[in-house]
Amino acid sequence: MKGFTKKGKFHPIRNKRSPSKTRRKINVGDNPEGKANINKFIAKKGEGLRGTLVARTTNGKRGIILAKNSTFAGDVKWGRLYEVVEKSPKQYPEVKREVKKIPDTKDWKLIV
């Protein structure tokens, strides 16, 4: 199964993205299952989660995701908004912080 090591532990490496620096963007539907409207992201403690991308910056390096599941540790909860940051082209975006609303600056655009 993609994303898991031989020992059964989750490994957050993206296999379908190339490591080129020009493709460091958070896109809609970026997940190993190939579902069109679900994105995968990583919690602060390394747990893989699923959510829906609702907004992103114009450069595509940060996004706001509505969580579709929760972590066991409790740092990400279902139905809440989280800002995620693209740190490496080989990994899924990581949670930076929980947000209450989408920032209303010119940098952020809603995904419709």
PDB file of N, CA and C in Angstrom:
ATOM      1  N   MET A   1       0.833  -1.179   0.000  1.00  0.00           N
ATOM      2  CA  MET A   1       0.000   0.000   0.000  1.00  0.00           C
ATOM      3  C   MET A   1       0.879   1.243   0.000  1.00  0.00           C
ATOM      4  N   LYS A   2       0.512   2.235  -0.790  1.00  0.00           N
ATOM      5  CA  LYS A   2       1.310   3.448  -0.864  1.00  0.00           C
ATOM      6  C   LYS A   2       1.278   4.181   0.465  1.00  0.00           C
ATOM      7  N   GLY A   3       2.415   4.725   0.867  1.00  0.00           N
ATOM      8  CA  GLY A   3       2.473   5.523   2.079  1.00  0.00           C
ATOM      9  C   GLY A   3       2.803   4.733   3.321  1.00  0.00           C
ATOM     10  N   PHE A   4       2.906   3.404   3.211  1.00  0.00           N
ATOM     11  CA  PHE A   4       3.219   2.593   4.375  1.00  0.00           C
ATOM     12  C   PHE A   4       4.547   1.877   4.164  1.00  0.00           C
ATOM     13  N   THR A   5       5.313   1.715   5.236  1.00  0.00           N
ATOM     14  CA  THR A   5       6.577   0.995   5.167  1.00  0.00           C
ATOM     15  C   THR A   5       6.309  -0.494   5.319  1.00  0.00           C
ATOM     16  N   LYS A   6       7.349  -1.292   5.209  1.00  0.00           N
ATOM     17  CA  LYS A   6       7.214  -2.741   5.347  1.00  0.00           C
ATOM     18  C   LYS A   6       6.771  -3.133   6.756  1.00  0.00           C
ATOM     19  N   LYS A   7       7.076  -2.303   7.734  1.00  0.00           N
ATOM     20  CA  LYS A   7       6.707  -2.595   9.117  1.00  0.00           C
ATOM     21  C   LYS A   7       5.278  -2.152   9.432  1.00  0.00           C
ATOM     22  N   GLY A   8       4.573  -1.573   8.466  1.00  0.00           N
ATOM     23  CA  GLY A   8       3.185  -1.175   8.666  1.00  0.00           C
ATOM     24  C   GLY A   8       2.999   0.236   9.179  1.00  0.00           C
ATOM     25  N   LYS A   9       4.082   0.984   9.336  1.00  0.00           N
ATOM     26  CA  LYS A   9       3.969   2.359   9.810  1.00  0.00           C
ATOM     27  C   LYS A   9       3.792   3.297   8.624  1.00  0.00           C
ATOM     28  N   PHE A  10       3.067   4.393   8.865  1.00  0.00           N
ATOM     29  CA  PHE A  10       2.800   5.366   7.808  1.00  0.00           C
ATOM     30  C   PHE A  10       4.036   6.186   7.501  1.00  0.00           C
ATOM     31  N   HIS A  11       4.297   6.399   6.221  1.00  0.00           N
ATOM     32  CA  HIS A  11       5.407   7.229   5.786  1.00  0.00           C
ATOM     33  C   HIS A  11       4.843   8.270   4.817  1.00  0.00           C
ATOM     34  N   PRO A  12       4.937   9.568   5.141  1.00  0.00           N
ATOM     35  CA  PRO A  12       4.230  10.600   4.375  1.00  0.00           C
ATOM     36  C   PRO A  12       4.887  11.029   3.067  1.00  0.00           C
ATOM     37  N   ILE A  13       5.474  10.124   2.303  1.00  0.00           N
ATOM     38  CA  ILE A  13       6.123  10.516   1.054  1.00  0.00           C
ATOM     39  C   ILE A  13       5.139  10.394  -0.100  1.00  0.00           C
ATOM     40  N   ARG A  14       5.090  11.403  -0.927  1.00  0.00           N
ATOM     41  CA  ARG A  14       4.238  11.399  -2.113  1.00  0.00           C
ATOM     42  C   ARG A  14       4.968  10.699  -3.236  1.00  0.00           C
ATOM     43  N   ASN A  15       4.370   9.719  -3.815  1.00  0.00           N
ATOM     44  CA  ASN A  15       5.006   9.028  -4.926  1.00  0.00           C
ATOM     45  C   ASN A  15       4.670   9.642  -6.277  1.00  0.00           C
ATOM     46  N   LYS A  16       3.548  10.338  -6.383  1.00  0.00           N
ATOM     47  CA  LYS A  16       3.131  10.810  -7.685  1.00  0.00           C
ATOM     48  C   LYS A  16       3.602  12.215  -8.041  1.00  0.00           C
ATOM     49  N   ARG A  17       4.324  12.895  -7.154  1.00  0.00           N
ATOM     50  CA  ARG A  17       4.809  14.238  -7.473  1.00  0.00           C
ATOM     51  C   ARG A  17       6.301  14.221  -7.723  1.00  0.00           C
ATOM     52  N   SER A  18       6.716  14.957  -8.710  1.00  0.00           N
ATOM     53  CA  SER A  18       8.138  15.031  -9.009  1.00  0.00           C
ATOM     54  C   SER A  18       8.818  15.990  -8.034  1.00  0.00           C
ATOM     55  N   PRO A  19      10.097  15.784  -7.752  1.00  0.00           N
ATOM     56  CA  PRO A  19      10.783  16.648  -6.786  1.00  0.00           C
ATOM     57  C   PRO A  19      11.250  17.984  -7.349  1.00  0.00           C
ATOM     58  N   SER A  20      10.755  18.399  -8.516  1.00  0.00           N
ATOM     59  CA  SER A  20      11.199  19.674  -9.073  1.00  0.00           C
ATOM     60  C   SER A  20      10.658  20.834  -8.229  1.00  0.00           C
ATOM     61  N   LYS A  21      11.408  21.894  -8.152  1.00  0.00           N
ATOM     62  CA  LYS A  21      11.042  23.041  -7.324  1.00  0.00           C
ATOM     63  C   LYS A  21       9.884  23.840  -7.924  1.00  0.00           C
ATOM     64  N   THR A  22       9.621  23.669  -9.197  1.00  0.00           N
ATOM     65  CA  THR A  22       8.552  24.428  -9.829  1.00  0.00           C
ATOM     66  C   THR A  22       7.173  23.880  -9.486  1.00  0.00           C
ATOM     67  N   ARG A  23       7.058  22.664  -8.971  1.00  0.00           N
ATOM     68  CA  ARG A  23       5.760  22.058  -8.675  1.00  0.00           C
ATOM     69  C   ARG A  23       5.465  22.055  -7.193  1.00  0.00           C
ATOM     70  N   ARG A  24       5.938  22.988  -6.441  1.00  0.00           N
ATOM     71  CA  ARG A  24       5.692  23.045  -5.007  1.00  0.00           C
ATOM     72  C   ARG A  24       4.407  23.813  -4.734  1.00  0.00           C
ATOM     73  N   LYS A  25       3.254  23.239  -5.122  1.00  0.00           N
ATOM     74  CA  LYS A  25       1.966  23.883  -4.896  1.00  0.00           C
ATOM     75  C   LYS A  25       0.998  22.885  -4.281  1.00  0.00           C
ATOM     76  N   ILE A  26       0.098  23.401  -3.473  1.00  0.00           N
ATOM     77  CA  ILE A  26      -0.974  22.593  -2.923  1.00  0.00           C
ATOM     78  C   ILE A  26      -2.104  22.606  -3.946  1.00  0.00           C
ATOM     79  N   ASN A  27      -2.467  21.436  -4.450  1.00  0.00           N
ATOM     80  CA  ASN A  27      -3.507  21.327  -5.469  1.00  0.00           C
ATOM     81  C   ASN A  27      -4.714  20.573  -4.925  1.00  0.00           C
ATOM     82  N   VAL A  28      -5.862  20.810  -5.503  1.00  0.00           N
ATOM     83  CA  VAL A  28      -7.083  20.096  -5.127  1.00  0.00           C
ATOM     84  C   VAL A  28      -6.945  18.640  -5.556  1.00  0.00           C
ATOM     85  N   GLY A  29      -7.301  17.725  -4.670  1.00  0.00           N
ATOM     86  CA  GLY A  29      -7.269  16.299  -4.994  1.00  0.00           C
ATOM     87  C   GLY A  29      -5.900  15.668  -4.909  1.00  0.00           C
ATOM     88  N   ASP A  30      -5.004  16.206  -4.117  1.00  0.00           N
ATOM     89  CA  ASP A  30      -3.659  15.655  -3.978  1.00  0.00           C
ATOM     90  C   ASP A  30      -3.681  14.584  -2.887  1.00  0.00           C
ATOM     91  N   ASN A  31      -3.941  13.344  -3.265  1.00  0.00           N
ATOM     92  CA  ASN A  31      -3.974  12.231  -2.327  1.00  0.00           C
ATOM     93  C   ASN A  31      -3.644  10.937  -3.057  1.00  0.00           C
ATOM     94  N   PRO A  32      -3.220   9.904  -2.329  1.00  0.00           N
ATOM     95  CA  PRO A  32      -2.838   8.649  -2.990  1.00  0.00           C
ATOM     96  C   PRO A  32      -4.018   7.851  -3.548  1.00  0.00           C
ATOM     97  N   GLU A  33      -5.238   8.099  -3.061  1.00  0.00           N
ATOM     98  CA  GLU A  33      -6.396   7.359  -3.545  1.00  0.00           C
ATOM     99  C   GLU A  33      -6.900   7.876  -4.890  1.00  0.00           C
ATOM    100  N   GLY A  34      -6.562   9.109  -5.240  1.00  0.00           N
ATOM    101  CA  GLY A  34      -6.979   9.688  -6.500  1.00  0.00           C
ATOM    102  C   GLY A  34      -8.385  10.271  -6.487  1.00  0.00           C
ATOM    103  N   LYS A  35      -8.975  10.478  -5.311  1.00  0.00           N
ATOM    104  CA  LYS A  35     -10.306  11.082  -5.229  1.00  0.00           C
ATOM    105  C   LYS A  35     -10.182  12.566  -5.549  1.00  0.00           C
ATOM    106  N   ALA A  36     -11.118  13.082  -6.329  1.00  0.00           N
ATOM    107  CA  ALA A  36     -10.999  14.422  -6.893  1.00  0.00           C
ATOM    108  C   ALA A  36     -11.073  15.557  -5.877  1.00  0.00           C
ATOM    109  N   ASN A  37     -11.852  15.440  -4.821  1.00  0.00           N
ATOM    110  CA  ASN A  37     -12.042  16.585  -3.927  1.00  0.00           C
ATOM    111  C   ASN A  37     -11.433  16.395  -2.537  1.00  0.00           C
ATOM    112  N   ILE A  38     -10.654  15.375  -2.323  1.00  0.00           N
ATOM    113  CA  ILE A  38     -10.042  15.116  -1.021  1.00  0.00           C
ATOM    114  C   ILE A  38      -8.541  15.381  -1.109  1.00  0.00           C
ATOM    115  N   ASN A  39      -8.013  16.072  -0.105  1.00  0.00           N
ATOM    116  CA  ASN A  39      -6.576  16.308   0.000  1.00  0.00           C
ATOM    117  C   ASN A  39      -6.029  15.585   1.218  1.00  0.00           C
ATOM    118  N   LYS A  40      -4.804  15.174   1.125  1.00  0.00           N
ATOM    119  CA  LYS A  40      -4.128  14.555   2.249  1.00  0.00           C
ATOM    120  C   LYS A  40      -3.215  15.600   2.873  1.00  0.00           C
ATOM    121  N   PHE A  41      -3.110  15.590   4.211  1.00  0.00           N
ATOM    122  CA  PHE A  41      -2.193  16.487   4.904  1.00  0.00           C
ATOM    123  C   PHE A  41      -1.690  15.795   6.160  1.00  0.00           C
ATOM    124  N   ILE A  42      -0.630  16.328   6.741  1.00  0.00           N
ATOM    125  CA  ILE A  42       0.043  15.713   7.870  1.00  0.00           C
ATOM    126  C   ILE A  42      -0.152  16.579   9.110  1.00  0.00           C
ATOM    127  N   ALA A  43      -0.541  15.938  10.229  1.00  0.00           N
ATOM    128  CA  ALA A  43      -0.698  16.646  11.500  1.00  0.00           C
ATOM    129  C   ALA A  43       0.677  16.947  12.090  1.00  0.00           C
ATOM    130  N   LYS A  44       0.715  17.770  13.124  1.00  0.00           N
ATOM    131  CA  LYS A  44       1.986  18.163  13.735  1.00  0.00           C
ATOM    132  C   LYS A  44       2.771  16.973  14.284  1.00  0.00           C
ATOM    133  N   LYS A  45       2.051  15.938  14.737  1.00  0.00           N
ATOM    134  CA  LYS A  45       2.726  14.768  15.301  1.00  0.00           C
ATOM    135  C   LYS A  45       2.970  13.683  14.258  1.00  0.00           C
ATOM    136  N   GLY A  46       2.744  13.984  12.977  1.00  0.00           N
ATOM    137  CA  GLY A  46       3.088  13.067  11.902  1.00  0.00           C
ATOM    138  C   GLY A  46       1.988  12.149  11.421  1.00  0.00           C
ATOM    139  N   GLU A  47       0.773  12.321  11.883  1.00  0.00           N
ATOM    140  CA  GLU A  47      -0.327  11.461  11.473  1.00  0.00           C
ATOM    141  C   GLU A  47      -0.929  11.961  10.158  1.00  0.00           C
ATOM    142  N   GLY A  48      -1.211  11.055   9.233  1.00  0.00           N
ATOM    143  CA  GLY A  48      -1.801  11.415   7.949  1.00  0.00           C
ATOM    144  C   GLY A  48      -3.305  11.578   8.051  1.00  0.00           C
ATOM    145  N   LEU A  49      -3.835  12.651   7.475  1.00  0.00           N
ATOM    146  CA  LEU A  49      -5.254  12.969   7.559  1.00  0.00           C
ATOM    147  C   LEU A  49      -5.811  13.329   6.189  1.00  0.00           C
ATOM    148  N   ARG A  50      -7.138  13.405   6.099  1.00  0.00           N
ATOM    149  CA  ARG A  50      -7.805  13.789   4.867  1.00  0.00           C
ATOM    150  C   ARG A  50      -8.658  15.024   5.123  1.00  0.00           C
ATOM    151  N   GLY A  51      -8.835  15.839   4.097  1.00  0.00           N
ATOM    152  CA  GLY A  51      -9.648  17.043   4.218  1.00  0.00           C
ATOM    153  C   GLY A  51      -9.956  17.626   2.858  1.00  0.00           C
ATOM    154  N   THR A  52     -10.708  18.708   2.868  1.00  0.00           N
ATOM    155  CA  THR A  52     -11.086  19.403   1.635  1.00  0.00           C
ATOM    156  C   THR A  52     -10.398  20.757   1.599  1.00  0.00           C
ATOM    157  N   LEU A  53      -9.699  21.039   0.528  1.00  0.00           N
ATOM    158  CA  LEU A  53      -9.033  22.324   0.350  1.00  0.00           C
ATOM    159  C   LEU A  53     -10.080  23.376   0.036  1.00  0.00           C
ATOM    160  N   VAL A  54     -10.184  24.421   0.872  1.00  0.00           N
ATOM    161  CA  VAL A  54     -11.193  25.460   0.669  1.00  0.00           C
ATOM    162  C   VAL A  54     -10.592  26.780   0.186  1.00  0.00           C
ATOM    163  N   ALA A  55      -9.308  27.003   0.459  1.00  0.00           N
ATOM    164  CA  ALA A  55      -8.634  28.228   0.002  1.00  0.00           C
ATOM    165  C   ALA A  55      -7.136  27.971  -0.048  1.00  0.00           C
ATOM    166  N   ARG A  56      -6.456  28.761  -0.870  1.00  0.00           N
ATOM    167  CA  ARG A  56      -4.991  28.697  -0.899  1.00  0.00           C
ATOM    168  C   ARG A  56      -4.444  30.052  -1.310  1.00  0.00           C
ATOM    169  N   THR A  57      -3.155  30.251  -1.049  1.00  0.00           N
ATOM    170  CA  THR A  57      -2.514  31.503  -1.425  1.00  0.00           C
ATOM    171  C   THR A  57      -2.275  31.506  -2.930  1.00  0.00           C
ATOM    172  N   THR A  58      -1.991  32.681  -3.464  1.00  0.00           N
ATOM    173  CA  THR A  58      -1.775  32.789  -4.905  1.00  0.00           C
ATOM    174  C   THR A  58      -0.540  32.022  -5.358  1.00  0.00           C
ATOM    175  N   ASN A  59       0.470  31.894  -4.499  1.00  0.00           N
ATOM    176  CA  ASN A  59       1.657  31.126  -4.878  1.00  0.00           C
ATOM    177  C   ASN A  59       1.479  29.626  -4.621  1.00  0.00           C
ATOM    178  N   GLY A  60       0.421  29.221  -3.929  1.00  0.00           N
ATOM    179  CA  GLY A  60       0.103  27.809  -3.727  1.00  0.00           C
ATOM    180  C   GLY A  60       0.877  27.101  -2.642  1.00  0.00           C
ATOM    181  N   LYS A  61       1.659  27.823  -1.843  1.00  0.00           N
ATOM    182  CA  LYS A  61       2.465  27.175  -0.814  1.00  0.00           C
ATOM    183  C   LYS A  61       1.747  27.012   0.524  1.00  0.00           C
ATOM    184  N   ARG A  62       0.657  27.754   0.733  1.00  0.00           N
ATOM    185  CA  ARG A  62      -0.148  27.620   1.953  1.00  0.00           C
ATOM    186  C   ARG A  62      -1.602  27.437   1.561  1.00  0.00           C
ATOM    187  N   GLY A  63      -2.332  26.723   2.392  1.00  0.00           N
ATOM    188  CA  GLY A  63      -3.734  26.488   2.104  1.00  0.00           C
ATOM    189  C   GLY A  63      -4.535  26.343   3.382  1.00  0.00           C
ATOM    190  N   ILE A  64      -5.863  26.430   3.246  1.00  0.00           N
ATOM    191  CA  ILE A  64      -6.782  26.202   4.356  1.00  0.00           C
ATOM    192  C   ILE A  64      -7.550  24.928   4.018  1.00  0.00           C
ATOM    193  N   ILE A  65      -7.509  23.956   4.927  1.00  0.00           N
ATOM    194  CA  ILE A  65      -8.167  22.670   4.717  1.00  0.00           C
ATOM    195  C   ILE A  65      -9.216  22.454   5.795  1.00  0.00           C
ATOM    196  N   LEU A  66     -10.391  21.986   5.386  1.00  0.00           N
ATOM    197  CA  LEU A  66     -11.451  21.568   6.290  1.00  0.00           C
ATOM    198  C   LEU A  66     -11.231  20.086   6.568  1.00  0.00           C
ATOM    199  N   ALA A  67     -10.922  19.738   7.824  1.00  0.00           N
ATOM    200  CA  ALA A  67     -10.582  18.361   8.192  1.00  0.00           C
ATOM    201  C   ALA A  67     -11.777  17.437   8.062  1.00  0.00           C
ATOM    202  N   LYS A  68     -11.562  16.261   7.450  1.00  0.00           N
ATOM    203  CA  LYS A  68     -12.607  15.252   7.286  1.00  0.00           C
ATOM    204  C   LYS A  68     -12.458  14.103   8.277  1.00  0.00           C
ATOM    205  N   ASN A  69     -11.345  14.081   9.036  1.00  0.00           N
ATOM    206  CA  ASN A  69     -11.175  13.101  10.108  1.00  0.00           C
ATOM    207  C   ASN A  69     -10.316  13.707  11.210  1.00  0.00           C
ATOM    208  N   SER A  70     -10.180  13.004  12.324  1.00  0.00           N
ATOM    209  CA  SER A  70      -9.458  13.509  13.491  1.00  0.00           C
ATOM    210  C   SER A  70      -8.239  12.647  13.780  1.00  0.00           C
ATOM    211  N   THR A  71      -7.302  13.209  14.537  1.00  0.00           N
ATOM    212  CA  THR A  71      -6.135  12.443  14.955  1.00  0.00           C
ATOM    213  C   THR A  71      -6.434  11.740  16.270  1.00  0.00           C
ATOM    214  N   PHE A  72      -5.664  10.699  16.546  1.00  0.00           N
ATOM    215  CA  PHE A  72      -5.795  10.008  17.816  1.00  0.00           C
ATOM    216  C   PHE A  72      -5.275  10.867  18.958  1.00  0.00           C
ATOM    217  N   ALA A  73      -4.258  11.675  18.675  1.00  0.00           N
ATOM    218  CA  ALA A  73      -3.660  12.531  19.705  1.00  0.00           C
ATOM    219  C   ALA A  73      -4.536  13.738  20.029  1.00  0.00           C
ATOM    220  N   GLY A  74      -5.453  14.093  19.143  1.00  0.00           N
ATOM    221  CA  GLY A  74      -6.364  15.197  19.396  1.00  0.00           C
ATOM    222  C   GLY A  74      -5.895  16.555  18.936  1.00  0.00           C
ATOM    223  N   ASP A  75      -4.785  16.616  18.180  1.00  0.00           N
ATOM    224  CA  ASP A  75      -4.319  17.926  17.723  1.00  0.00           C
ATOM    225  C   ASP A  75      -5.055  18.404  16.474  1.00  0.00           C
ATOM    226  N   VAL A  76      -5.740  17.531  15.735  1.00  0.00           N
ATOM    227  CA  VAL A  76      -6.589  17.900  14.614  1.00  0.00           C
ATOM    228  C   VAL A  76      -7.958  17.278  14.858  1.00  0.00           C
ATOM    229  N   LYS A  77      -9.007  18.090  14.696  1.00  0.00           N
ATOM    230  CA  LYS A  77     -10.365  17.613  14.953  1.00  0.00           C
ATOM    231  C   LYS A  77     -11.225  17.757  13.708  1.00  0.00           C
ATOM    232  N   TRP A  78     -12.151  16.819  13.542  1.00  0.00           N
ATOM    233  CA  TRP A  78     -13.045  16.793  12.395  1.00  0.00           C
ATOM    234  C   TRP A  78     -13.878  18.067  12.322  1.00  0.00           C
ATOM    235  N   GLY A  79     -14.029  18.611  11.113  1.00  0.00           N
ATOM    236  CA  GLY A  79     -14.885  19.762  10.892  1.00  0.00           C
ATOM    237  C   GLY A  79     -14.268  21.114  11.190  1.00  0.00           C
ATOM    238  N   ARG A  80     -12.995  21.156  11.515  1.00  0.00           N
ATOM    239  CA  ARG A  80     -12.339  22.438  11.799  1.00  0.00           C
ATOM    240  C   ARG A  80     -11.402  22.815  10.664  1.00  0.00           C
ATOM    241  N   LEU A  81     -11.090  24.105  10.574  1.00  0.00           N
ATOM    242  CA  LEU A  81     -10.211  24.619   9.528  1.00  0.00           C
ATOM    243  C   LEU A  81      -8.770  24.666  10.021  1.00  0.00           C
ATOM    244  N   TYR A  82      -7.838  24.250   9.155  1.00  0.00           N
ATOM    245  CA  TYR A  82      -6.416  24.259   9.491  1.00  0.00           C
ATOM    246  C   TYR A  82      -5.618  24.857   8.349  1.00  0.00           C
ATOM    247  N   GLU A  83      -4.640  25.690   8.720  1.00  0.00           N
ATOM    248  CA  GLU A  83      -3.711  26.227   7.721  1.00  0.00           C
ATOM    249  C   GLU A  83      -2.602  25.208   7.541  1.00  0.00           C
ATOM    250  N   VAL A  84      -2.344  24.834   6.296  1.00  0.00           N
ATOM    251  CA  VAL A  84      -1.288  23.877   5.986  1.00  0.00           C
ATOM    252  C   VAL A  84      -0.231  24.560   5.133  1.00  0.00           C
ATOM    253  N   VAL A  85       1.002  24.068   5.243  1.00  0.00           N
ATOM    254  CA  VAL A  85       2.131  24.664   4.539  1.00  0.00           C
ATOM    255  C   VAL A  85       2.855  23.578   3.756  1.00  0.00           C
ATOM    256  N   GLU A  86       3.174  23.885   2.524  1.00  0.00           N
ATOM    257  CA  GLU A  86       3.941  22.998   1.661  1.00  0.00           C
ATOM    258  C   GLU A  86       5.421  23.218   1.975  1.00  0.00           C
ATOM    259  N   LYS A  87       6.057  22.234   2.590  1.00  0.00           N
ATOM    260  CA  LYS A  87       7.465  22.376   2.975  1.00  0.00           C
ATOM    261  C   LYS A  87       8.409  21.693   1.997  1.00  0.00           C
ATOM    262  N   SER A  88       7.989  20.567   1.461  1.00  0.00           N
ATOM    263  CA  SER A  88       8.840  19.798   0.570  1.00  0.00           C
ATOM    264  C   SER A  88       7.987  19.224  -0.566  1.00  0.00           C
ATOM    265  N   PRO A  89       8.514  19.156  -1.789  1.00  0.00           N
ATOM    266  CA  PRO A  89       7.729  18.591  -2.877  1.00  0.00           C
ATOM    267  C   PRO A  89       7.518  17.089  -2.741  1.00  0.00           C
ATOM    268  N   LYS A  90       8.266  16.428  -1.860  1.00  0.00           N
ATOM    269  CA  LYS A  90       8.133  14.987  -1.674  1.00  0.00           C
ATOM    270  C   LYS A  90       7.152  14.621  -0.565  1.00  0.00           C
ATOM    271  N   GLN A  91       6.702  15.585   0.215  1.00  0.00           N
ATOM    272  CA  GLN A  91       5.793  15.306   1.314  1.00  0.00           C
ATOM    273  C   GLN A  91       4.486  16.064   1.147  1.00  0.00           C
ATOM    274  N   TYR A  92       3.450  15.559   1.801  1.00  0.00           N
ATOM    275  CA  TYR A  92       2.170  16.250   1.821  1.00  0.00           C
ATOM    276  C   TYR A  92       2.285  17.490   2.711  1.00  0.00           C
ATOM    277  N   PRO A  93       1.408  18.457   2.555  1.00  0.00           N
ATOM    278  CA  PRO A  93       1.464  19.669   3.388  1.00  0.00           C
ATOM    279  C   PRO A  93       1.280  19.339   4.865  1.00  0.00           C
ATOM    280  N   GLU A  94       1.919  20.132   5.722  1.00  0.00           N
ATOM    281  CA  GLU A  94       1.843  19.929   7.164  1.00  0.00           C
ATOM    282  C   GLU A  94       1.021  21.030   7.812  1.00  0.00           C
ATOM    283  N   VAL A  95       0.340  20.678   8.905  1.00  0.00           N
ATOM    284  CA  VAL A  95      -0.480  21.633   9.643  1.00  0.00           C
ATOM    285  C   VAL A  95       0.414  22.660  10.316  1.00  0.00           C
ATOM    286  N   LYS A  96       0.080  23.925  10.122  1.00  0.00           N
ATOM    287  CA  LYS A  96       0.789  25.004  10.798  1.00  0.00           C
ATOM    288  C   LYS A  96       0.018  25.432  12.038  1.00  0.00           C
ATOM    289  N   ARG A  97      -1.317  25.629  11.874  1.00  0.00           N
ATOM    290  CA  ARG A  97      -2.146  26.059  13.000  1.00  0.00           C
ATOM    291  C   ARG A  97      -3.617  25.901  12.637  1.00  0.00           C
ATOM    292  N   GLU A  98      -4.469  25.938  13.671  1.00  0.00           N
ATOM    293  CA  GLU A  98      -5.909  25.944  13.453  1.00  0.00           C
ATOM    294  C   GLU A  98      -6.349  27.385  13.230  1.00  0.00           C
ATOM    295  N   VAL A  99      -7.277  27.590  12.304  1.00  0.00           N
ATOM    296  CA  VAL A  99      -7.790  28.933  12.024  1.00  0.00           C
ATOM    297  C   VAL A  99      -9.306  28.930  12.193  1.00  0.00           C
ATOM    298  N   LYS A 100      -9.860  30.089  12.497  1.00  0.00           N
ATOM    299  CA  LYS A 100     -11.307  30.240  12.650  1.00  0.00           C
ATOM    300  C   LYS A 100     -11.980  30.682  11.359  1.00  0.00           C
ATOM    301  N   LYS A 101     -11.231  31.371  10.499  1.00  0.00           N
ATOM    302  CA  LYS A 101     -11.785  31.850   9.232  1.00  0.00           C
ATOM    303  C   LYS A 101     -10.660  31.967   8.213  1.00  0.00           C
ATOM    304  N   ILE A 102     -11.058  32.139   6.971  1.00  0.00           N
ATOM    305  CA  ILE A 102     -10.085  32.314   5.898  1.00  0.00           C
ATOM    306  C   ILE A 102      -9.638  33.765   5.914  1.00  0.00           C
ATOM    307  N   PRO A 103      -8.327  34.027   5.917  1.00  0.00           N
ATOM    308  CA  PRO A 103      -7.866  35.422   5.934  1.00  0.00           C
ATOM    309  C   PRO A 103      -8.385  36.194   4.724  1.00  0.00           C
ATOM    310  N   ASP A 104      -8.821  37.424   4.942  1.00  0.00           N
ATOM    311  CA  ASP A 104      -9.367  38.224   3.851  1.00  0.00           C
ATOM    312  C   ASP A 104      -8.337  39.220   3.320  1.00  0.00           C
ATOM    313  N   THR A 105      -7.219  38.702   2.884  1.00  0.00           N
ATOM    314  CA  THR A 105      -6.204  39.517   2.225  1.00  0.00           C
ATOM    315  C   THR A 105      -6.196  39.166   0.742  1.00  0.00           C
ATOM    316  N   LYS A 106      -5.460  39.913  -0.048  1.00  0.00           N
ATOM    317  CA  LYS A 106      -5.397  39.652  -1.481  1.00  0.00           C
ATOM    318  C   LYS A 106      -4.617  38.390  -1.817  1.00  0.00           C
ATOM    319  N   ASP A 107      -3.840  37.887  -0.877  1.00  0.00           N
ATOM    320  CA  ASP A 107      -3.048  36.677  -1.127  1.00  0.00           C
ATOM    321  C   ASP A 107      -3.885  35.399  -1.174  1.00  0.00           C
ATOM    322  N   TRP A 108      -5.023  35.388  -0.497  1.00  0.00           N
ATOM    323  CA  TRP A 108      -5.839  34.173  -0.376  1.00  0.00           C
ATOM    324  C   TRP A 108      -6.964  34.168  -1.406  1.00  0.00           C
ATOM    325  N   LYS A 109      -7.179  32.987  -2.019  1.00  0.00           N
ATOM    326  CA  LYS A 109      -8.276  32.810  -2.970  1.00  0.00           C
ATOM    327  C   LYS A 109      -9.077  31.571  -2.581  1.00  0.00           C
ATOM    328  N   LEU A 110     -10.405  31.704  -2.629  1.00  0.00           N
ATOM    329  CA  LEU A 110     -11.288  30.570  -2.354  1.00  0.00           C
ATOM    330  C   LEU A 110     -11.245  29.570  -3.495  1.00  0.00           C
ATOM    331  N   ILE A 111     -11.336  28.293  -3.147  1.00  0.00           N
ATOM    332  CA  ILE A 111     -11.429  27.235  -4.154  1.00  0.00           C
ATOM    333  C   ILE A 111     -12.901  26.920  -4.333  1.00  0.00           C
ATOM    334  N   VAL A 112     -13.415  27.077  -5.522  1.00  0.00           N
ATOM    335  CA  VAL A 112     -14.855  26.858  -5.766  1.00  0.00           C
ATOM    336  C   VAL A 112     -15.052  25.564  -6.507  1.00  0.00           C
TER     337      VAL A 112
END
